[in-house]
Amino acid sequence: YIAAHRPDKAKDALNRALNIKPTSQLWFMMAQILYEREKFKEAYEALRKSTKLNPKKAEAWLLMGYCALHMDKKDLARKALKKASKFPKQKKMAKELLKQIISR
């Protein structure tokens, strides 16, 4: 449903799957849908659950930072981005965003 650009169907399917067996990846996928719909607080909460289940899910930390920035929660953004910056693929973007927070 995500690939078919049917976010409502995808969200329903993910909710059913999360009720059966919540996983970090399912929470991350839910967060992506919520983020795309600009539901940043809900996306942040889904990402919090994702990272709790898998603290090594680097892309979740980065997206969590973006969500926090959209909510104007700089402290939460800073914490998430610092975690994201520990992972090679996310390091550059996380550090750039951290610089932007500092310069504001």
PDB file of N, CA and C in Angstrom:
ATOM      1  N   TYR A   1       0.814  -1.197   0.000  1.00  0.00           N
ATOM      2  CA  TYR A   1       0.000   0.000   0.000  1.00  0.00           C
ATOM      3  C   TYR A   1       0.859   1.263   0.000  1.00  0.00           C
ATOM      4  N   ILE A   2       2.006   1.200   0.667  1.00  0.00           N
ATOM      5  CA  ILE A   2       2.891   2.364   0.678  1.00  0.00           C
ATOM      6  C   ILE A   2       3.398   2.634  -0.731  1.00  0.00           C
ATOM      7  N   ALA A   3       3.891   1.607  -1.380  1.00  0.00           N
ATOM      8  CA  ALA A   3       4.422   1.760  -2.741  1.00  0.00           C
ATOM      9  C   ALA A   3       3.334   2.190  -3.719  1.00  0.00           C
ATOM     10  N   ALA A   4       2.112   1.809  -3.468  1.00  0.00           N
ATOM     11  CA  ALA A   4       0.994   2.173  -4.346  1.00  0.00           C
ATOM     12  C   ALA A   4       0.440   3.560  -4.002  1.00  0.00           C
ATOM     13  N   HIS A   5       1.109   4.248  -3.062  1.00  0.00           N
ATOM     14  CA  HIS A   5       0.695   5.590  -2.639  1.00  0.00           C
ATOM     15  C   HIS A   5      -0.739   5.593  -2.100  1.00  0.00           C
ATOM     16  N   ARG A   6      -1.004   4.624  -1.259  1.00  0.00           N
ATOM     17  CA  ARG A   6      -2.308   4.519  -0.600  1.00  0.00           C
ATOM     18  C   ARG A   6      -2.072   4.546   0.915  1.00  0.00           C
ATOM     19  N   PRO A   7      -1.725   5.733   1.430  1.00  0.00           N
ATOM     20  CA  PRO A   7      -1.337   5.827   2.840  1.00  0.00           C
ATOM     21  C   PRO A   7      -2.415   5.388   3.825  1.00  0.00           C
ATOM     22  N   ASP A   8      -3.681   5.627   3.514  1.00  0.00           N
ATOM     23  CA  ASP A   8      -4.736   5.203   4.447  1.00  0.00           C
ATOM     24  C   ASP A   8      -4.782   3.687   4.582  1.00  0.00           C
ATOM     25  N   LYS A   9      -4.697   3.001   3.447  1.00  0.00           N
ATOM     26  CA  LYS A   9      -4.690   1.531   3.461  1.00  0.00           C
ATOM     27  C   LYS A   9      -3.437   1.020   4.167  1.00  0.00           C
ATOM     28  N   ALA A  10      -2.297   1.670   3.886  1.00  0.00           N
ATOM     29  CA  ALA A  10      -1.038   1.264   4.512  1.00  0.00           C
ATOM     30  C   ALA A  10      -1.115   1.443   6.021  1.00  0.00           C
ATOM     31  N   LYS A  11      -1.658   2.574   6.450  1.00  0.00           N
ATOM     32  CA  LYS A  11      -1.773   2.843   7.882  1.00  0.00           C
ATOM     33  C   LYS A  11      -2.667   1.801   8.557  1.00  0.00           C
ATOM     34  N   ASP A  12      -3.776   1.462   7.919  1.00  0.00           N
ATOM     35  CA  ASP A  12      -4.668   0.435   8.471  1.00  0.00           C
ATOM     36  C   ASP A  12      -3.960  -0.916   8.582  1.00  0.00           C
ATOM     37  N   ALA A  13      -3.246  -1.295   7.529  1.00  0.00           N
ATOM     38  CA  ALA A  13      -2.520  -2.571   7.528  1.00  0.00           C
ATOM     39  C   ALA A  13      -1.437  -2.577   8.604  1.00  0.00           C
ATOM     40  N   LEU A  14      -0.733  -1.461   8.750  1.00  0.00           N
ATOM     41  CA  LEU A  14       0.311  -1.374   9.772  1.00  0.00           C
ATOM     42  C   LEU A  14      -0.288  -1.449  11.173  1.00  0.00           C
ATOM     43  N   ASN A  15      -1.401  -0.785  11.386  1.00  0.00           N
ATOM     44  CA  ASN A  15      -2.059  -0.860  12.702  1.00  0.00           C
ATOM     45  C   ASN A  15      -2.428  -2.292  13.053  1.00  0.00           C
ATOM     46  N   ARG A  16      -2.942  -3.021  12.076  1.00  0.00           N
ATOM     47  CA  ARG A  16      -3.283  -4.434  12.323  1.00  0.00           C
ATOM     48  C   ARG A  16      -2.026  -5.232  12.674  1.00  0.00           C
ATOM     49  N   ALA A  17      -0.961  -5.017  11.918  1.00  0.00           N
ATOM     50  CA  ALA A  17       0.294  -5.738  12.163  1.00  0.00           C
ATOM     51  C   ALA A  17       0.884  -5.359  13.520  1.00  0.00           C
ATOM     52  N   LEU A  18       0.823  -4.078  13.874  1.00  0.00           N
ATOM     53  CA  LEU A  18       1.360  -3.626  15.155  1.00  0.00           C
ATOM     54  C   LEU A  18       0.573  -4.204  16.327  1.00  0.00           C
ATOM     55  N   ASN A  19      -0.699  -4.425  16.142  1.00  0.00           N
ATOM     56  CA  ASN A  19      -1.508  -5.045  17.199  1.00  0.00           C
ATOM     57  C   ASN A  19      -1.152  -6.508  17.401  1.00  0.00           C
ATOM     58  N   ILE A  20      -0.670  -7.148  16.345  1.00  0.00           N
ATOM     59  CA  ILE A  20      -0.290  -8.559  16.431  1.00  0.00           C
ATOM     60  C   ILE A  20       1.124  -8.705  16.981  1.00  0.00           C
ATOM     61  N   LYS A  21       2.066  -8.011  16.348  1.00  0.00           N
ATOM     62  CA  LYS A  21       3.465  -8.117  16.774  1.00  0.00           C
ATOM     63  C   LYS A  21       4.211  -6.828  16.436  1.00  0.00           C
ATOM     64  N   PRO A  22       4.293  -5.913  17.396  1.00  0.00           N
ATOM     65  CA  PRO A  22       4.991  -4.658  17.122  1.00  0.00           C
ATOM     66  C   PRO A  22       6.490  -4.880  16.928  1.00  0.00           C
ATOM     67  N   THR A  23       7.019  -4.304  15.865  1.00  0.00           N
ATOM     68  CA  THR A  23       8.459  -4.365  15.604  1.00  0.00           C
ATOM     69  C   THR A  23       8.968  -2.960  15.319  1.00  0.00           C
ATOM     70  N   SER A  24      10.260  -2.805  15.430  1.00  0.00           N
ATOM     71  CA  SER A  24      10.884  -1.521  15.138  1.00  0.00           C
ATOM     72  C   SER A  24      10.593  -1.077  13.706  1.00  0.00           C
ATOM     73  N   GLN A  25      10.694  -2.009  12.773  1.00  0.00           N
ATOM     74  CA  GLN A  25      10.475  -1.668  11.363  1.00  0.00           C
ATOM     75  C   GLN A  25       9.033  -1.239  11.103  1.00  0.00           C
ATOM     76  N   LEU A  26       8.068  -1.914  11.713  1.00  0.00           N
ATOM     77  CA  LEU A  26       6.664  -1.529  11.529  1.00  0.00           C
ATOM     78  C   LEU A  26       6.391  -0.140  12.099  1.00  0.00           C
ATOM     79  N   TRP A  27       6.942   0.150  13.274  1.00  0.00           N
ATOM     80  CA  TRP A  27       6.774   1.487  13.848  1.00  0.00           C
ATOM     81  C   TRP A  27       7.440   2.534  12.964  1.00  0.00           C
ATOM     82  N   PHE A  28       8.593   2.198  12.395  1.00  0.00           N
ATOM     83  CA  PHE A  28       9.281   3.135  11.508  1.00  0.00           C
ATOM     84  C   PHE A  28       8.442   3.405  10.260  1.00  0.00           C
ATOM     85  N   MET A  29       7.868   2.372   9.691  1.00  0.00           N
ATOM     86  CA  MET A  29       7.025   2.540   8.504  1.00  0.00           C
ATOM     87  C   MET A  29       5.802   3.406   8.829  1.00  0.00           C
ATOM     88  N   MET A  30       5.218   3.196   9.996  1.00  0.00           N
ATOM     89  CA  MET A  30       4.083   4.017  10.420  1.00  0.00           C
ATOM     90  C   MET A  30       4.522   5.477  10.548  1.00  0.00           C
ATOM     91  N   ALA A  31       5.689   5.684  11.133  1.00  0.00           N
ATOM     92  CA  ALA A  31       6.203   7.045  11.297  1.00  0.00           C
ATOM     93  C   ALA A  31       6.404   7.731   9.947  1.00  0.00           C
ATOM     94  N   GLN A  32       6.889   6.997   8.969  1.00  0.00           N
ATOM     95  CA  GLN A  32       7.086   7.579   7.644  1.00  0.00           C
ATOM     96  C   GLN A  32       5.762   8.064   7.053  1.00  0.00           C
ATOM     97  N   ILE A  33       4.726   7.265   7.195  1.00  0.00           N
ATOM     98  CA  ILE A  33       3.405   7.661   6.687  1.00  0.00           C
ATOM     99  C   ILE A  33       2.916   8.910   7.417  1.00  0.00           C
ATOM    100  N   LEU A  34       3.046   8.915   8.726  1.00  0.00           N
ATOM    101  CA  LEU A  34       2.599  10.057   9.521  1.00  0.00           C
ATOM    102  C   LEU A  34       3.404  11.308   9.192  1.00  0.00           C
ATOM    103  N   TYR A  35       4.705  11.149   9.004  1.00  0.00           N
ATOM    104  CA  TYR A  35       5.567  12.284   8.663  1.00  0.00           C
ATOM    105  C   TYR A  35       5.146  12.887   7.326  1.00  0.00           C
ATOM    106  N   GLU A  36       4.907  12.039   6.343  1.00  0.00           N
ATOM    107  CA  GLU A  36       4.491  12.521   5.027  1.00  0.00           C
ATOM    108  C   GLU A  36       3.167  13.273   5.099  1.00  0.00           C
ATOM    109  N   ARG A  37       2.340  12.937   6.068  1.00  0.00           N
ATOM    110  CA  ARG A  37       1.043  13.609   6.243  1.00  0.00           C
ATOM    111  C   ARG A  37       1.162  14.793   7.204  1.00  0.00           C
ATOM    112  N   GLU A  38       2.401  15.121   7.579  1.00  0.00           N
ATOM    113  CA  GLU A  38       2.717  16.241   8.468  1.00  0.00           C
ATOM    114  C   GLU A  38       2.097  16.079   9.858  1.00  0.00           C
ATOM    115  N   LYS A  39       1.984  14.846  10.291  1.00  0.00           N
ATOM    116  CA  LYS A  39       1.531  14.550  11.653  1.00  0.00           C
ATOM    117  C   LYS A  39       2.779  14.255  12.475  1.00  0.00           C
ATOM    118  N   PHE A  40       3.523  15.324  12.743  1.00  0.00           N
ATOM    119  CA  PHE A  40       4.860  15.185  13.313  1.00  0.00           C
ATOM    120  C   PHE A  40       4.870  14.639  14.738  1.00  0.00           C
ATOM    121  N   LYS A  41       3.906  15.033  15.551  1.00  0.00           N
ATOM    122  CA  LYS A  41       3.868  14.530  16.930  1.00  0.00           C
ATOM    123  C   LYS A  41       3.604  13.023  16.943  1.00  0.00           C
ATOM    124  N   GLU A  42       2.645  12.582  16.133  1.00  0.00           N
ATOM    125  CA  GLU A  42       2.343  11.150  16.055  1.00  0.00           C
ATOM    126  C   GLU A  42       3.523  10.380  15.464  1.00  0.00           C
ATOM    127  N   ALA A  43       4.160  10.971  14.466  1.00  0.00           N
ATOM    128  CA  ALA A  43       5.329  10.328  13.852  1.00  0.00           C
ATOM    129  C   ALA A  43       6.452  10.198  14.879  1.00  0.00           C
ATOM    130  N   TYR A  44       6.660  11.260  15.664  1.00  0.00           N
ATOM    131  CA  TYR A  44       7.700  11.242  16.693  1.00  0.00           C
ATOM    132  C   TYR A  44       7.447  10.103  17.684  1.00  0.00           C
ATOM    133  N   GLU A  45       6.196   9.945  18.104  1.00  0.00           N
ATOM    134  CA  GLU A  45       5.859   8.879  19.056  1.00  0.00           C
ATOM    135  C   GLU A  45       6.090   7.494  18.447  1.00  0.00           C
ATOM    136  N   ALA A  46       5.748   7.333  17.181  1.00  0.00           N
ATOM    137  CA  ALA A  46       6.000   6.052  16.505  1.00  0.00           C
ATOM    138  C   ALA A  46       7.501   5.779  16.430  1.00  0.00           C
ATOM    139  N   LEU A  47       8.277   6.819  16.182  1.00  0.00           N
ATOM    140  CA  LEU A  47       9.736   6.666  16.110  1.00  0.00           C
ATOM    141  C   LEU A  47      10.327   6.368  17.481  1.00  0.00           C
ATOM    142  N   ARG A  48       9.743   6.954  18.511  1.00  0.00           N
ATOM    143  CA  ARG A  48      10.203   6.660  19.876  1.00  0.00           C
ATOM    144  C   ARG A  48      10.022   5.170  20.169  1.00  0.00           C
ATOM    145  N   LYS A  49       8.892   4.633  19.737  1.00  0.00           N
ATOM    146  CA  LYS A  49       8.637   3.200  19.932  1.00  0.00           C
ATOM    147  C   LYS A  49       9.577   2.357  19.075  1.00  0.00           C
ATOM    148  N   SER A  50       9.846   2.827  17.866  1.00  0.00           N
ATOM    149  CA  SER A  50      10.762   2.112  16.969  1.00  0.00           C
ATOM    150  C   SER A  50      12.160   2.024  17.574  1.00  0.00           C
ATOM    151  N   THR A  51      12.661   3.161  18.070  1.00  0.00           N
ATOM    152  CA  THR A  51      14.018   3.180  18.623  1.00  0.00           C
ATOM    153  C   THR A  51      14.101   2.467  19.969  1.00  0.00           C
ATOM    154  N   LYS A  52      12.990   2.397  20.675  1.00  0.00           N
ATOM    155  CA  LYS A  52      12.986   1.637  21.934  1.00  0.00           C
ATOM    156  C   LYS A  52      13.165   0.149  21.641  1.00  0.00           C
ATOM    157  N   LEU A  53      12.519  -0.319  20.579  1.00  0.00           N
ATOM    158  CA  LEU A  53      12.645  -1.726  20.190  1.00  0.00           C
ATOM    159  C   LEU A  53      13.984  -2.023  19.515  1.00  0.00           C
ATOM    160  N   ASN A  54      14.537  -1.025  18.836  1.00  0.00           N
ATOM    161  CA  ASN A  54      15.826  -1.206  18.159  1.00  0.00           C
ATOM    162  C   ASN A  54      16.605   0.106  18.192  1.00  0.00           C
ATOM    163  N   PRO A  55      17.415   0.309  19.240  1.00  0.00           N
ATOM    164  CA  PRO A  55      18.180   1.546  19.363  1.00  0.00           C
ATOM    165  C   PRO A  55      19.207   1.757  18.243  1.00  0.00           C
ATOM    166  N   LYS A  56      19.462   0.725  17.460  1.00  0.00           N
ATOM    167  CA  LYS A  56      20.434   0.841  16.365  1.00  0.00           C
ATOM    168  C   LYS A  56      19.764   1.182  15.037  1.00  0.00           C
ATOM    169  N   LYS A  57      18.499   1.542  15.054  1.00  0.00           N
ATOM    170  CA  LYS A  57      17.775   1.915  13.829  1.00  0.00           C
ATOM    171  C   LYS A  57      18.086   3.386  13.546  1.00  0.00           C
ATOM    172  N   ALA A  58      19.200   3.594  12.883  1.00  0.00           N
ATOM    173  CA  ALA A  58      19.753   4.932  12.676  1.00  0.00           C
ATOM    174  C   ALA A  58      18.805   5.875  11.956  1.00  0.00           C
ATOM    175  N   GLU A  59      18.139   5.385  10.903  1.00  0.00           N
ATOM    176  CA  GLU A  59      17.251   6.265  10.142  1.00  0.00           C
ATOM    177  C   GLU A  59      16.065   6.729  10.988  1.00  0.00           C
ATOM    178  N   ALA A  60      15.697   5.953  11.989  1.00  0.00           N
ATOM    179  CA  ALA A  60      14.612   6.365  12.884  1.00  0.00           C
ATOM    180  C   ALA A  60      15.052   7.548  13.745  1.00  0.00           C
ATOM    181  N   TRP A  61      16.283   7.518  14.214  1.00  0.00           N
ATOM    182  CA  TRP A  61      16.799   8.637  15.005  1.00  0.00           C
ATOM    183  C   TRP A  61      16.831   9.917  14.172  1.00  0.00           C
ATOM    184  N   LEU A  62      17.253   9.798  12.925  1.00  0.00           N
ATOM    185  CA  LEU A  62      17.326  10.970  12.053  1.00  0.00           C
ATOM    186  C   LEU A  62      15.924  11.533  11.795  1.00  0.00           C
ATOM    187  N   LEU A  63      14.986  10.683  11.448  1.00  0.00           N
ATOM    188  CA  LEU A  63      13.621  11.143  11.190  1.00  0.00           C
ATOM    189  C   LEU A  63      12.996  11.715  12.466  1.00  0.00           C
ATOM    190  N   MET A  64      13.355  11.156  13.605  1.00  0.00           N
ATOM    191  CA  MET A  64      12.875  11.679  14.876  1.00  0.00           C
ATOM    192  C   MET A  64      13.363  13.119  15.067  1.00  0.00           C
ATOM    193  N   GLY A  65      14.604  13.368  14.677  1.00  0.00           N
ATOM    194  CA  GLY A  65      15.142  14.725  14.745  1.00  0.00           C
ATOM    195  C   GLY A  65      14.365  15.688  13.862  1.00  0.00           C
ATOM    196  N   TYR A  66      14.054  15.254  12.649  1.00  0.00           N
ATOM    197  CA  TYR A  66      13.249  16.079  11.748  1.00  0.00           C
ATOM    198  C   TYR A  66      11.873  16.374  12.354  1.00  0.00           C
ATOM    199  N   CYS A  67      11.240  15.357  12.906  1.00  0.00           N
ATOM    200  CA  CYS A  67       9.917  15.547  13.521  1.00  0.00           C
ATOM    201  C   CYS A  67       9.990  16.578  14.642  1.00  0.00           C
ATOM    202  N   ALA A  68      10.976  16.434  15.498  1.00  0.00           N
ATOM    203  CA  ALA A  68      11.127  17.362  16.617  1.00  0.00           C
ATOM    204  C   ALA A  68      11.355  18.786  16.117  1.00  0.00           C
ATOM    205  N   LEU A  69      12.131  18.940  15.058  1.00  0.00           N
ATOM    206  CA  LEU A  69      12.340  20.275  14.491  1.00  0.00           C
ATOM    207  C   LEU A  69      11.035  20.863  13.976  1.00  0.00           C
ATOM    208  N   HIS A  70      10.242  20.063  13.310  1.00  0.00           N
ATOM    209  CA  HIS A  70       8.947  20.544  12.813  1.00  0.00           C
ATOM    210  C   HIS A  70       8.014  20.948  13.956  1.00  0.00           C
ATOM    211  N   MET A  71       8.185  20.317  15.108  1.00  0.00           N
ATOM    212  CA  MET A  71       7.366  20.653  16.280  1.00  0.00           C
ATOM    213  C   MET A  71       7.997  21.788  17.083  1.00  0.00           C
ATOM    214  N   ASP A  72       9.141  22.287  16.627  1.00  0.00           N
ATOM    215  CA  ASP A  72       9.908  23.338  17.298  1.00  0.00           C
ATOM    216  C   ASP A  72      10.363  22.904  18.695  1.00  0.00           C
ATOM    217  N   LYS A  73      10.739  21.636  18.798  1.00  0.00           N
ATOM    218  CA  LYS A  73      11.258  21.068  20.047  1.00  0.00           C
ATOM    219  C   LYS A  73      12.759  20.842  19.867  1.00  0.00           C
ATOM    220  N   LYS A  74      13.519  21.917  20.019  1.00  0.00           N
ATOM    221  CA  LYS A  74      14.951  21.864  19.725  1.00  0.00           C
ATOM    222  C   LYS A  74      15.711  20.880  20.606  1.00  0.00           C
ATOM    223  N   ASP A  75      15.341  20.792  21.883  1.00  0.00           N
ATOM    224  CA  ASP A  75      16.052  19.859  22.771  1.00  0.00           C
ATOM    225  C   ASP A  75      15.838  18.410  22.341  1.00  0.00           C
ATOM    226  N   LEU A  76      14.592  18.078  21.987  1.00  0.00           N
ATOM    227  CA  LEU A  76      14.312  16.718  21.511  1.00  0.00           C
ATOM    228  C   LEU A  76      15.027  16.453  20.191  1.00  0.00           C
ATOM    229  N   ALA A  77      15.042  17.454  19.324  1.00  0.00           N
ATOM    230  CA  ALA A  77      15.732  17.316  18.036  1.00  0.00           C
ATOM    231  C   ALA A  77      17.217  17.079  18.263  1.00  0.00           C
ATOM    232  N   ARG A  78      17.807  17.859  19.141  1.00  0.00           N
ATOM    233  CA  ARG A  78      19.241  17.739  19.428  1.00  0.00           C
ATOM    234  C   ARG A  78      19.577  16.336  19.933  1.00  0.00           C
ATOM    235  N   LYS A  79      18.767  15.815  20.848  1.00  0.00           N
ATOM    236  CA  LYS A  79      19.020  14.477  21.397  1.00  0.00           C
ATOM    237  C   LYS A  79      18.942  13.404  20.312  1.00  0.00           C
ATOM    238  N   ALA A  80      17.901  13.474  19.487  1.00  0.00           N
ATOM    239  CA  ALA A  80      17.730  12.473  18.428  1.00  0.00           C
ATOM    240  C   ALA A  80      18.844  12.577  17.394  1.00  0.00           C
ATOM    241  N   LEU A  81      19.202  13.792  17.032  1.00  0.00           N
ATOM    242  CA  LEU A  81      20.238  13.982  16.012  1.00  0.00           C
ATOM    243  C   LEU A  81      21.618  13.574  16.522  1.00  0.00           C
ATOM    244  N   LYS A  82      21.874  13.773  17.803  1.00  0.00           N
ATOM    245  CA  LYS A  82      23.145  13.302  18.376  1.00  0.00           C
ATOM    246  C   LYS A  82      23.231  11.781  18.285  1.00  0.00           C
ATOM    247  N   LYS A  83      22.109  11.112  18.536  1.00  0.00           N
ATOM    248  CA  LYS A  83      22.091   9.644  18.388  1.00  0.00           C
ATOM    249  C   LYS A  83      22.305   9.266  16.927  1.00  0.00           C
ATOM    250  N   ALA A  84      21.613   9.955  16.017  1.00  0.00           N
ATOM    251  CA  ALA A  84      21.734   9.660  14.581  1.00  0.00           C
ATOM    252  C   ALA A  84      23.158   9.880  14.085  1.00  0.00           C
ATOM    253  N   SER A  85      23.841  10.872  14.647  1.00  0.00           N
ATOM    254  CA  SER A  85      25.195  11.206  14.183  1.00  0.00           C
ATOM    255  C   SER A  85      26.221  10.125  14.520  1.00  0.00           C
ATOM    256  N   LYS A  86      25.854   9.156  15.333  1.00  0.00           N
ATOM    257  CA  LYS A  86      26.761   8.057  15.682  1.00  0.00           C
ATOM    258  C   LYS A  86      26.796   6.964  14.614  1.00  0.00           C
ATOM    259  N   PHE A  87      25.906   7.077  13.626  1.00  0.00           N
ATOM    260  CA  PHE A  87      25.819   6.075  12.567  1.00  0.00           C
ATOM    261  C   PHE A  87      26.380   6.650  11.268  1.00  0.00           C
ATOM    262  N   PRO A  88      27.269   5.905  10.603  1.00  0.00           N
ATOM    263  CA  PRO A  88      27.964   6.428   9.418  1.00  0.00           C
ATOM    264  C   PRO A  88      27.063   7.028   8.336  1.00  0.00           C
ATOM    265  N   LYS A  89      25.983   6.355   7.984  1.00  0.00           N
ATOM    266  CA  LYS A  89      25.140   6.844   6.885  1.00  0.00           C
ATOM    267  C   LYS A  89      24.345   8.096   7.260  1.00  0.00           C
ATOM    268  N   GLN A  90      24.077   8.290   8.528  1.00  0.00           N
ATOM    269  CA  GLN A  90      23.281   9.427   8.972  1.00  0.00           C
ATOM    270  C   GLN A  90      24.136  10.561   9.537  1.00  0.00           C
ATOM    271  N   LYS A  91      25.415  10.303   9.721  1.00  0.00           N
ATOM    272  CA  LYS A  91      26.291  11.244  10.409  1.00  0.00           C
ATOM    273  C   LYS A  91      26.306  12.631   9.768  1.00  0.00           C
ATOM    274  N   LYS A  92      26.515  12.691   8.465  1.00  0.00           N
ATOM    275  CA  LYS A  92      26.645  13.979   7.782  1.00  0.00           C
ATOM    276  C   LYS A  92      25.377  14.819   7.924  1.00  0.00           C
ATOM    277  N   MET A  93      24.237  14.238   7.609  1.00  0.00           N
ATOM    278  CA  MET A  93      22.974  14.978   7.681  1.00  0.00           C
ATOM    279  C   MET A  93      22.657  15.387   9.113  1.00  0.00           C
ATOM    280  N   ALA A  94      22.875  14.490  10.056  1.00  0.00           N
ATOM    281  CA  ALA A  94      22.596  14.794  11.457  1.00  0.00           C
ATOM    282  C   ALA A  94      23.455  15.957  11.935  1.00  0.00           C
ATOM    283  N   LYS A  95      24.732  15.946  11.571  1.00  0.00           N
ATOM    284  CA  LYS A  95      25.636  17.025  11.993  1.00  0.00           C
ATOM    285  C   LYS A  95      25.229  18.356  11.365  1.00  0.00           C
ATOM    286  N   GLU A  96      24.804  18.327  10.101  1.00  0.00           N
ATOM    287  CA  GLU A  96      24.345  19.553   9.440  1.00  0.00           C
ATOM    288  C   GLU A  96      23.117  20.123  10.149  1.00  0.00           C
ATOM    289  N   LEU A  97      22.193  19.261  10.501  1.00  0.00           N
ATOM    290  CA  LEU A  97      20.994  19.720  11.205  1.00  0.00           C
ATOM    291  C   LEU A  97      21.330  20.241  12.599  1.00  0.00           C
ATOM    292  N   LEU A  98      22.264  19.591  13.271  1.00  0.00           N
ATOM    293  CA  LEU A  98      22.689  20.073  14.588  1.00  0.00           C
ATOM    294  C   LEU A  98      23.295  21.469  14.484  1.00  0.00           C
ATOM    295  N   LYS A  99      24.077  21.716  13.440  1.00  0.00           N
ATOM    296  CA  LYS A  99      24.648  23.056  13.228  1.00  0.00           C
ATOM    297  C   LYS A  99      23.548  24.090  13.030  1.00  0.00           C
ATOM    298  N   GLN A 100      22.511  23.732  12.290  1.00  0.00           N
ATOM    299  CA  GLN A 100      21.395  24.654  12.058  1.00  0.00           C
ATOM    300  C   GLN A 100      20.678  24.990  13.366  1.00  0.00           C
ATOM    301  N   ILE A 101      20.539  24.006  14.236  1.00  0.00           N
ATOM    302  CA  ILE A 101      19.882  24.245  15.527  1.00  0.00           C
ATOM    303  C   ILE A 101      20.699  25.228  16.343  1.00  0.00           C
ATOM    304  N   ILE A 102      21.994  25.039  16.353  1.00  0.00           N
ATOM    305  CA  ILE A 102      22.885  25.897  17.129  1.00  0.00           C
ATOM    306  C   ILE A 102      22.864  27.326  16.596  1.00  0.00           C
ATOM    307  N   SER A 103      22.797  27.471  15.265  1.00  0.00           N
ATOM    308  CA  SER A 103      22.865  28.807  14.661  1.00  0.00           C
ATOM    309  C   SER A 103      21.539  29.573  14.735  1.00  0.00           C
ATOM    310  N   ARG A 104      20.465  28.939  15.168  1.00  0.00           N
ATOM    311  CA  ARG A 104      19.158  29.629  15.256  1.00  0.00           C
ATOM    312  C   ARG A 104      19.069  30.497  16.477  1.00  0.00           C
TER     313      ARG A 104
END
